N, C-alpha and C. Protein backbone atom coordinates (compact mmCIF):
# COMPACT_ATOMS: atom_id res chain seq x y z
N MET A 1 0.68 -1.23 -0.02
CA MET A 1 0.09 -0.11 0.03
C MET A 1 0.95 1.29 -0.07
N GLN A 2 1.96 1.46 1.03
CA GLN A 2 2.81 2.19 0.53
C GLN A 2 3.47 2.33 -0.43
N TYR A 3 3.75 1.66 -1.32
CA TYR A 3 4.31 1.54 -2.69
C TYR A 3 3.40 2.27 -3.29
N LYS A 4 2.14 1.68 -3.28
CA LYS A 4 1.32 2.79 -4.56
C LYS A 4 1.39 4.25 -4.26
N PHE A 5 1.32 4.58 -2.69
CA PHE A 5 1.28 6.03 -2.49
C PHE A 5 2.28 6.86 -3.05
N LEU A 6 3.96 6.05 -2.71
CA LEU A 6 4.82 6.79 -3.03
C LEU A 6 4.97 6.55 -4.63
N GLY A 7 4.18 5.61 -5.63
CA GLY A 7 4.47 5.53 -7.17
C GLY A 7 3.18 6.85 -7.48
N ALA A 8 2.09 6.80 -6.37
CA ALA A 8 1.26 8.13 -7.00
C ALA A 8 2.25 9.45 -6.85
N ALA A 9 2.34 9.59 -5.96
CA ALA A 9 3.30 11.11 -5.16
C ALA A 9 4.44 11.02 -6.53
N LEU A 10 5.14 9.85 -7.04
CA LEU A 10 6.17 10.11 -8.06
C LEU A 10 5.72 10.64 -9.33
N VAL A 11 4.25 9.94 -9.90
CA VAL A 11 3.53 9.99 -10.94
C VAL A 11 3.61 11.99 -10.83
N VAL A 12 2.86 11.94 -9.82
CA VAL A 12 2.22 13.43 -9.75
C VAL A 12 3.38 14.56 -9.72
N SER A 13 4.09 13.87 -9.20
CA SER A 13 5.53 15.25 -9.11
C SER A 13 6.46 15.27 -10.79
N GLY A 14 6.03 13.91 -11.21
CA GLY A 14 6.89 14.22 -12.43
C GLY A 14 6.23 14.82 -13.56
N CYS A 15 5.20 14.47 -13.53
CA CYS A 15 4.18 15.24 -14.20
C CYS A 15 4.03 16.77 -14.19
N GLY A 16 4.16 16.98 -12.81
CA GLY A 16 4.23 18.69 -12.52
C GLY A 16 5.38 19.29 -12.70
N PHE A 17 6.66 18.47 -12.55
CA PHE A 17 7.67 19.23 -13.19
C PHE A 17 8.17 19.24 -14.44
N PHE A 18 7.36 18.29 -14.93
CA PHE A 18 7.46 18.46 -16.64
C PHE A 18 6.19 20.00 -16.83
N GLY A 19 5.42 20.16 -16.71
CA GLY A 19 4.64 21.42 -16.95
C GLY A 19 5.94 22.36 -16.55
N ILE A 20 6.75 22.60 -15.25
CA ILE A 20 7.21 23.43 -14.76
C ILE A 20 8.38 23.57 -15.79
N LEU A 21 8.55 22.91 -16.61
CA LEU A 21 9.95 22.53 -17.15
C LEU A 21 9.49 23.40 -18.30
N LEU A 22 8.27 23.04 -18.93
CA LEU A 22 7.49 23.81 -20.15
C LEU A 22 7.31 25.64 -20.03
N ALA A 23 7.04 25.77 -18.79
CA ALA A 23 7.20 27.03 -18.32
C ALA A 23 8.56 27.60 -18.16
N VAL A 24 9.21 26.96 -17.72
CA VAL A 24 11.29 27.50 -17.78
C VAL A 24 11.55 27.95 -19.41
N ASN A 25 11.38 26.46 -20.28
CA ASN A 25 11.47 26.50 -21.86
C ASN A 25 10.94 28.15 -22.37
N CYS A 26 9.95 28.15 -22.12
CA CYS A 26 8.97 29.20 -23.02
C CYS A 26 9.82 30.52 -22.26
N ARG A 27 9.82 30.72 -21.26
CA ARG A 27 10.52 32.21 -20.40
C ARG A 27 11.80 32.08 -21.06
N ARG A 28 12.58 31.05 -21.27
CA ARG A 28 14.09 30.96 -21.75
C ARG A 28 14.02 31.53 -23.25
N GLU A 29 13.22 30.73 -23.82
CA GLU A 29 12.83 31.56 -25.57
C GLU A 29 12.50 32.83 -25.17
N THR A 30 11.92 33.30 -24.92
CA THR A 30 11.60 34.89 -24.79
C THR A 30 12.69 35.63 -24.60
N GLU A 31 13.21 35.31 -23.54
CA GLU A 31 14.86 35.91 -23.05
C GLU A 31 15.66 36.05 -24.43
N MET A 32 15.98 34.70 -24.76
CA MET A 32 16.46 34.61 -26.23
C MET A 32 16.15 35.26 -27.51
N LEU A 33 14.76 35.33 -27.80
CA LEU A 33 14.30 36.16 -28.40
C LEU A 33 14.91 37.71 -28.36
N ARG A 34 14.45 38.10 -26.89
CA ARG A 34 15.16 39.29 -26.73
C ARG A 34 16.48 39.94 -27.10
N SER A 35 17.24 38.84 -26.18
CA SER A 35 18.53 39.20 -26.59
C SER A 35 18.92 39.19 -28.37
N LEU A 36 18.24 38.10 -29.15
CA LEU A 36 18.56 38.40 -30.46
C LEU A 36 18.29 39.60 -31.39
N CYS A 37 16.85 40.43 -30.59
CA CYS A 37 16.65 41.60 -31.29
C CYS A 37 17.79 42.73 -31.00
N SER A 38 18.38 42.78 -29.69
CA SER A 38 19.12 43.46 -29.35
C SER A 38 20.16 43.53 -30.38
N ALA A 39 20.83 42.06 -30.60
CA ALA A 39 22.06 41.94 -31.07
C ALA A 39 22.12 42.17 -32.61
N LEU A 40 20.66 41.99 -33.11
CA LEU A 40 20.80 42.56 -34.75
C LEU A 40 20.23 44.05 -34.58
N THR A 41 20.17 44.48 -33.76
CA THR A 41 20.21 46.34 -33.51
C THR A 41 21.17 46.37 -33.15
N PHE A 42 22.04 46.18 -32.72
CA PHE A 42 23.69 46.30 -33.01
C PHE A 42 24.34 46.40 -34.22
N MET A 43 23.77 45.06 -34.81
CA MET A 43 24.55 44.70 -36.02
C MET A 43 24.39 46.05 -37.01
N CYS A 44 22.66 46.29 -36.69
CA CYS A 44 22.83 47.20 -37.94
C CYS A 44 23.43 48.55 -38.14
N CYS A 45 23.45 49.17 -36.46
CA CYS A 45 23.86 50.36 -36.35
C CYS A 45 25.65 49.87 -36.73
N GLU A 46 26.04 49.37 -36.62
CA GLU A 46 27.18 48.75 -36.44
C GLU A 46 27.76 49.32 -38.07
N LEU A 47 26.93 48.16 -38.59
CA LEU A 47 27.18 48.24 -40.52
C LEU A 47 27.56 49.64 -40.91
N GLY A 48 26.36 50.20 -40.36
CA GLY A 48 26.06 51.71 -40.87
C GLY A 48 26.96 52.47 -40.86
N ALA A 49 27.65 52.51 -39.36
CA ALA A 49 28.67 53.44 -39.03
C ALA A 49 29.80 53.24 -39.42
N ARG A 50 30.32 52.16 -39.13
CA ARG A 50 31.45 51.44 -39.59
C ARG A 50 31.82 50.44 -40.54
N MET A 51 31.04 50.09 -40.50
CA MET A 51 30.74 48.70 -41.90
C MET A 51 31.94 47.63 -41.78
N THR A 52 31.95 47.30 -40.72
CA THR A 52 32.81 46.20 -39.98
C THR A 52 32.59 44.98 -40.50
N PRO A 53 34.05 44.58 -40.72
CA PRO A 53 33.58 42.94 -41.90
C PRO A 53 32.74 41.98 -40.90
N LEU A 54 32.25 40.77 -41.46
CA LEU A 54 31.40 39.97 -41.01
C LEU A 54 31.68 39.30 -39.89
N PRO A 55 32.78 38.59 -39.96
CA PRO A 55 33.44 37.62 -38.84
C PRO A 55 33.57 39.00 -37.44
N GLU A 56 34.23 40.38 -37.97
CA GLU A 56 34.38 41.03 -36.67
C GLU A 56 32.96 41.50 -36.08
N LEU A 57 32.00 41.77 -37.06
CA LEU A 57 30.77 41.91 -36.92
C LEU A 57 30.03 41.05 -35.85
N CYS A 58 30.20 39.84 -35.97
CA CYS A 58 29.42 38.95 -35.11
C CYS A 58 30.40 38.39 -33.84
N ARG A 59 31.37 38.80 -34.06
CA ARG A 59 32.00 38.77 -32.55
C ARG A 59 31.22 39.70 -31.54
N CYS A 60 31.31 40.83 -32.20
CA CYS A 60 30.94 42.06 -31.52
C CYS A 60 29.72 41.89 -30.72
N ALA A 61 28.70 41.37 -31.87
CA ALA A 61 27.28 41.28 -31.65
C ALA A 61 26.86 40.03 -30.40
N GLY A 62 28.04 38.94 -30.59
CA GLY A 62 27.80 37.82 -29.83
C GLY A 62 28.51 38.53 -28.37
N GLY A 63 29.24 39.72 -28.18
CA GLY A 63 29.93 40.14 -27.05
C GLY A 63 28.51 40.90 -26.15
N HIS A 64 27.42 41.53 -27.00
CA HIS A 64 26.33 42.00 -26.36
C HIS A 64 25.35 41.05 -26.03
N CYS A 65 25.47 39.68 -26.03
CA CYS A 65 24.73 38.76 -25.68
C CYS A 65 25.27 37.81 -24.75
N ALA A 66 24.14 36.72 -24.58
CA ALA A 66 24.61 35.47 -23.18
C ALA A 66 24.12 34.37 -23.33
N GLY A 67 24.69 33.35 -23.21
CA GLY A 67 24.08 31.85 -23.18
C GLY A 67 24.17 31.72 -24.80
N GLY A 68 23.21 30.99 -25.17
CA GLY A 68 22.93 30.21 -26.72
C GLY A 68 23.18 31.71 -27.96
N ILE A 69 22.34 32.44 -27.68
CA ILE A 69 22.92 33.63 -28.84
C ILE A 69 24.27 33.97 -28.99
N ARG A 70 25.01 33.95 -27.89
CA ARG A 70 26.50 34.56 -27.82
C ARG A 70 27.30 33.44 -28.67
N LYS A 71 27.03 32.23 -27.74
CA LYS A 71 27.78 30.74 -28.76
C LYS A 71 27.37 30.94 -30.21
N ALA A 72 26.18 30.83 -30.42
CA ALA A 72 25.75 30.83 -32.31
C ALA A 72 26.36 32.14 -32.98
N PHE A 73 26.65 33.30 -32.29
CA PHE A 73 27.44 34.35 -32.86
C PHE A 73 28.98 34.23 -32.92
N LEU A 74 29.19 33.69 -32.10
CA LEU A 74 30.84 33.35 -31.49
C LEU A 74 31.12 31.99 -32.69
N ALA A 75 30.19 31.37 -33.01
CA ALA A 75 30.35 30.23 -34.35
C ALA A 75 30.18 30.43 -35.36
N ILE A 76 29.41 31.29 -35.59
CA ILE A 76 29.48 31.87 -36.74
C ILE A 76 30.73 32.60 -37.26
N ALA A 77 31.41 33.83 -36.42
CA ALA A 77 32.33 34.27 -36.47
C ALA A 77 33.54 33.21 -36.64
N GLU A 78 33.66 32.21 -36.16
CA GLU A 78 34.29 30.99 -36.32
C GLU A 78 34.43 30.48 -37.65
N GLU A 79 33.28 30.24 -38.17
CA GLU A 79 32.93 29.86 -39.51
C GLU A 79 33.57 30.66 -40.57
N LEU A 80 33.01 31.90 -40.45
CA LEU A 80 33.18 32.82 -41.25
C LEU A 80 35.04 33.08 -41.52
N ASP A 81 35.79 33.25 -40.34
CA ASP A 81 37.20 33.35 -40.25
C ASP A 81 37.80 32.10 -41.00
N ALA A 82 37.16 30.81 -40.68
CA ALA A 82 37.83 30.07 -41.27
C ALA A 82 37.54 29.46 -43.05
N GLN A 83 36.74 30.21 -43.29
CA GLN A 83 36.21 29.97 -45.00
C GLN A 83 36.56 28.53 -45.38
N VAL A 84 35.76 27.48 -45.06
CA VAL A 84 35.72 26.47 -45.22
C VAL A 84 34.22 26.54 -45.96
N ALA A 85 33.20 27.22 -45.92
CA ALA A 85 32.05 27.00 -46.79
C ALA A 85 31.97 28.11 -47.36
N PRO A 86 31.72 27.93 -49.10
CA PRO A 86 31.82 28.83 -50.24
C PRO A 86 30.87 30.16 -49.88
N ASP A 87 30.25 30.23 -49.16
CA ASP A 87 29.11 31.67 -48.72
C ASP A 87 29.19 31.44 -47.32
N ALA A 88 28.49 33.06 -47.04
CA ALA A 88 28.04 33.03 -45.40
C ALA A 88 26.58 32.60 -45.15
N THR A 89 26.16 32.08 -45.96
CA THR A 89 24.83 31.12 -45.44
C THR A 89 25.13 29.96 -45.43
N CYS A 90 26.32 29.34 -46.22
CA CYS A 90 26.44 28.09 -45.57
C CYS A 90 27.16 28.08 -43.86
N CYS A 91 28.14 28.79 -43.99
CA CYS A 91 28.81 29.26 -42.54
C CYS A 91 27.76 29.63 -41.50
N VAL A 92 26.74 30.45 -41.93
CA VAL A 92 25.70 30.17 -40.47
C VAL A 92 25.17 29.31 -40.12
N THR A 93 24.47 28.44 -41.63
CA THR A 93 23.68 26.89 -41.20
C THR A 93 24.79 25.91 -40.16
N ALA A 94 25.85 25.66 -40.91
CA ALA A 94 26.65 25.34 -40.14
C ALA A 94 27.21 25.43 -38.77
N ALA A 95 27.35 27.00 -38.39
CA ALA A 95 27.33 27.57 -37.23
C ALA A 95 26.23 27.11 -36.24
N VAL A 96 24.80 27.47 -36.87
CA VAL A 96 23.39 27.05 -36.22
C VAL A 96 23.32 25.73 -35.94
N ASN A 97 23.86 24.88 -36.96
CA ASN A 97 23.82 23.27 -36.60
C ASN A 97 24.73 23.16 -35.26
N ARG A 98 25.76 23.38 -35.30
CA ARG A 98 26.53 23.33 -33.87
C ARG A 98 25.83 23.75 -32.60
N CYS A 99 24.78 24.44 -32.35
CA CYS A 99 24.09 25.16 -31.77
C CYS A 99 22.75 24.67 -31.12
N PRO A 100 22.64 23.64 -30.86
CA PRO A 100 21.70 22.84 -30.70
C PRO A 100 20.21 23.47 -29.52
N GLU A 101 21.67 24.38 -28.78
CA GLU A 101 20.06 24.86 -27.75
C GLU A 101 19.28 25.87 -27.71
N LEU A 102 19.41 26.33 -29.27
CA LEU A 102 18.74 27.49 -29.81
C LEU A 102 17.51 27.11 -29.96
N PRO A 103 16.33 27.97 -29.33
CA PRO A 103 15.29 27.36 -29.99
C PRO A 103 14.69 27.75 -31.29
N ARG A 104 13.64 27.19 -31.57
CA ARG A 104 13.37 27.14 -33.28
C ARG A 104 13.53 28.57 -33.84
N ARG A 105 12.38 29.30 -32.97
CA ARG A 105 12.52 30.57 -33.45
C ARG A 105 13.55 31.36 -33.58
N CYS A 106 14.41 31.29 -33.00
CA CYS A 106 15.98 31.70 -33.08
C CYS A 106 16.68 31.20 -34.07
N ARG A 107 16.67 30.31 -34.22
CA ARG A 107 17.25 29.10 -35.37
C ARG A 107 16.88 29.80 -37.04
N GLU A 108 15.46 29.94 -36.99
CA GLU A 108 15.01 30.59 -38.02
C GLU A 108 15.78 31.78 -38.51
N THR A 109 15.57 32.92 -37.27
CA THR A 109 15.99 34.02 -37.84
C THR A 109 17.30 33.86 -38.05
N PHE A 110 18.04 33.16 -37.36
CA PHE A 110 19.62 33.02 -38.02
C PHE A 110 19.65 33.10 -39.36
N LEU A 111 18.92 31.87 -39.60
CA LEU A 111 19.30 31.36 -41.13
C LEU A 111 18.70 32.34 -42.03
N LYS A 112 17.90 33.46 -41.68
CA LYS A 112 17.02 34.39 -42.41
C LYS A 112 18.16 35.20 -42.41
N VAL A 113 18.89 35.84 -41.53
CA VAL A 113 20.19 36.23 -41.64
C VAL A 113 21.02 36.04 -42.29
N GLY A 114 21.92 34.73 -42.40
CA GLY A 114 22.44 34.32 -42.89
C GLY A 114 22.78 34.30 -44.31
N GLN A 115 21.05 34.07 -45.18
CA GLN A 115 20.83 34.09 -46.40
C GLN A 115 20.93 35.43 -46.83
N MET A 116 21.37 36.52 -46.29
CA MET A 116 21.51 37.99 -46.98
C MET A 116 22.56 38.45 -46.50
N LEU A 117 23.74 37.85 -45.36
CA LEU A 117 24.55 38.21 -45.29
C LEU A 117 25.58 38.30 -46.17
N GLY A 118 26.77 39.06 -46.65
CA GLY A 118 27.38 39.01 -47.47
C GLY A 118 27.04 39.14 -49.52
N ARG A 119 25.45 39.00 -49.36
CA ARG A 119 24.85 38.93 -51.21
C ARG A 119 24.69 40.30 -51.16
N PHE A 120 24.32 41.07 -50.56
CA PHE A 120 24.03 42.15 -51.12
C PHE A 120 24.87 43.53 -50.40
N ASP A 121 24.43 44.83 -51.23
CA ASP A 121 25.03 46.00 -50.66
C ASP A 121 25.16 46.17 -49.34
N LEU A 122 25.69 47.48 -48.88
CA LEU A 122 25.50 47.65 -47.38
C LEU A 122 23.99 47.76 -47.04
N GLN A 123 23.20 48.69 -48.13
CA GLN A 123 21.99 48.68 -47.49
C GLN A 123 21.42 47.99 -47.59
N GLY A 124 21.18 46.74 -48.35
CA GLY A 124 20.47 45.73 -48.80
C GLY A 124 20.84 44.72 -47.95
N GLN A 125 21.83 44.83 -46.65
CA GLN A 125 22.23 43.76 -45.60
C GLN A 125 21.61 44.33 -44.47
N MET A 126 21.72 45.68 -44.51
CA MET A 126 20.99 46.33 -43.33
C MET A 126 19.59 46.30 -43.25
N ASP A 127 18.86 46.01 -44.55
CA ASP A 127 17.45 46.25 -44.67
C ASP A 127 17.52 44.60 -44.04
N ALA A 128 18.08 43.68 -44.72
CA ALA A 128 17.94 42.41 -44.20
C ALA A 128 17.52 41.94 -42.78
N ILE A 129 18.79 42.87 -42.06
CA ILE A 129 18.99 42.80 -40.46
C ILE A 129 17.74 43.44 -39.79
N GLU A 130 17.40 44.21 -40.25
CA GLU A 130 16.34 44.94 -39.84
C GLU A 130 15.01 44.65 -39.92
N SER A 131 14.93 43.76 -41.32
CA SER A 131 13.45 42.90 -41.53
C SER A 131 13.71 41.83 -40.59
N ALA A 132 14.69 41.00 -40.40
CA ALA A 132 14.92 39.95 -39.50
C ALA A 132 14.45 40.39 -38.07
N ARG A 133 15.02 41.43 -37.53
CA ARG A 133 14.86 41.75 -36.15
C ARG A 133 13.06 42.29 -35.92
N GLN A 134 12.84 43.10 -37.05
CA GLN A 134 11.33 43.27 -36.90
C GLN A 134 10.45 41.96 -36.80
N GLU A 135 10.66 40.97 -37.52
CA GLU A 135 10.40 39.62 -37.10
C GLU A 135 10.50 38.93 -35.94
N CYS A 136 11.87 39.07 -35.37
CA CYS A 136 12.09 38.45 -33.93
C CYS A 136 11.31 39.35 -32.81
N GLU A 137 11.68 40.75 -33.50
CA GLU A 137 10.27 41.28 -31.92
C GLU A 137 9.04 41.22 -32.31
N ARG A 138 8.39 40.55 -33.66
CA ARG A 138 7.08 40.44 -33.49
C ARG A 138 6.79 39.14 -32.56
N GLU A 139 7.67 38.24 -33.12
CA GLU A 139 7.52 36.81 -32.29
C GLU A 139 7.92 36.66 -30.78
N ARG A 140 9.05 37.74 -30.49
CA ARG A 140 8.93 37.86 -29.00
C ARG A 140 7.80 38.59 -28.33
N LYS A 141 7.01 39.33 -29.26
CA LYS A 141 5.53 39.94 -28.46
C LYS A 141 4.53 39.14 -28.47
N GLU A 142 4.66 37.98 -29.32
CA GLU A 142 4.09 37.06 -29.59
C GLU A 142 4.04 35.77 -28.22
N LEU A 143 4.89 35.85 -28.02
CA LEU A 143 5.48 34.82 -27.02
C LEU A 143 4.75 35.49 -25.47
N GLU A 144 5.36 36.83 -25.71
CA GLU A 144 4.99 37.50 -24.24
C GLU A 144 3.46 37.87 -24.03
N ASP A 145 2.76 37.92 -25.11
CA ASP A 145 1.27 38.37 -24.84
C ASP A 145 0.59 36.83 -23.95
N ASN A 146 -0.03 37.47 -22.47
CA ASN A 146 -0.45 36.34 -21.95
C ASN A 146 0.24 35.02 -21.40
N GLN A 147 1.86 35.74 -21.04
CA GLN A 147 2.45 34.79 -20.90
C GLN A 147 2.47 34.38 -19.20
N GLN A 148 2.27 35.17 -18.33
CA GLN A 148 2.37 34.37 -17.21
C GLN A 148 1.02 33.74 -17.17
N GLN A 149 -0.17 33.94 -17.52
CA GLN A 149 -1.20 32.81 -17.58
C GLN A 149 -0.89 31.52 -18.21
N ARG A 150 -0.27 31.84 -19.10
CA ARG A 150 -0.06 30.34 -19.84
C ARG A 150 1.25 30.01 -19.13
N LEU A 151 2.03 30.30 -18.51
CA LEU A 151 2.96 29.66 -18.07
C LEU A 151 2.20 28.76 -16.68
N ARG A 152 1.71 29.89 -16.06
CA ARG A 152 0.49 29.09 -15.01
C ARG A 152 -0.19 27.55 -15.47
N THR A 153 -0.44 27.87 -16.81
CA THR A 153 -1.67 27.02 -17.20
C THR A 153 -0.69 25.62 -17.38
N TYR A 154 0.65 26.09 -17.74
CA TYR A 154 1.32 24.86 -18.27
C TYR A 154 1.47 23.92 -17.01
N LYS A 155 2.06 24.46 -15.91
CA LYS A 155 2.09 24.41 -14.58
C LYS A 155 1.16 23.27 -13.87
N THR A 156 -0.03 24.26 -14.03
CA THR A 156 -1.24 23.48 -13.81
C THR A 156 -1.68 22.47 -14.42
N LEU A 157 -2.05 22.04 -15.58
CA LEU A 157 -1.93 21.14 -16.42
C LEU A 157 -1.27 20.01 -16.17
N GLY A 158 0.35 20.09 -15.80
CA GLY A 158 1.25 19.24 -15.63
C GLY A 158 0.88 18.52 -14.39
N PHE A 159 0.77 19.40 -13.43
CA PHE A 159 0.24 18.50 -11.94
C PHE A 159 -1.13 17.83 -12.15
N CYS A 160 -2.35 18.65 -12.78
CA CYS A 160 -3.66 18.00 -13.14
C CYS A 160 -3.36 16.48 -13.99
N ALA A 161 -2.87 16.27 -14.79
CA ALA A 161 -2.44 15.44 -15.71
C ALA A 161 -1.88 14.43 -14.66
N GLY A 162 -0.76 14.54 -13.78
CA GLY A 162 0.08 13.40 -12.77
C GLY A 162 -0.81 13.41 -11.77
N ALA A 163 -2.24 13.95 -11.20
CA ALA A 163 -3.08 13.87 -10.41
C ALA A 163 -3.69 12.47 -11.23
N ALA A 164 -4.82 13.17 -12.33
CA ALA A 164 -5.41 11.81 -13.18
C ALA A 164 -4.91 10.49 -13.65
N LEU A 165 -3.53 10.65 -13.70
CA LEU A 165 -2.90 9.41 -14.12
C LEU A 165 -2.87 8.64 -12.73
N ALA A 166 -2.07 9.27 -11.82
CA ALA A 166 -1.89 8.75 -10.30
C ALA A 166 -3.63 8.15 -10.08
N ILE A 167 -4.55 8.85 -10.41
CA ILE A 167 -5.85 7.82 -9.95
C ILE A 167 -6.34 6.83 -11.02
N LEU A 168 -6.28 7.09 -12.12
CA LEU A 168 -6.31 5.71 -12.98
C LEU A 168 -5.36 5.03 -13.15
N LEU A 169 -4.17 4.88 -12.34
CA LEU A 169 -3.39 4.08 -11.92
C LEU A 169 -3.58 3.23 -10.52
N PHE A 170 -4.21 4.06 -9.51
CA PHE A 170 -4.27 3.46 -8.17
C PHE A 170 -5.71 3.03 -8.28
């Protein structure tokens, strides 16, 4: 009988922690998108003011970020410096693939920027970066809308699903 109660408690807590993990990942993705938007703004300003070469630009942008976004920018700079790939798009793709901790939305934004880097003139690159920043900002706002309520729902549903499963198994 004690094993049943212990098992039920473990099922409820396991499902509850899964709900908490979903909430933490959602919050982390929002912060990463915010950091990426800031880095893209920096890149656009830096290109307009100094016409910084792409590897150095990525290193500087990475210096203004933390975590996975920083790692991705530094990986892009390494790929561009190594010049193994034929163009910036391939370098960005290879670098992003080396960063599995990037959320899907950040990954897509990096790939979109990578398709435009080094292909167009200065104004075209700045426009592409600005377009990617605006899309990133829109996705961040979309995630932040009703975020507190959604995160609370994830946690509640996790614990409720665990309780329902424990009742079914008990």
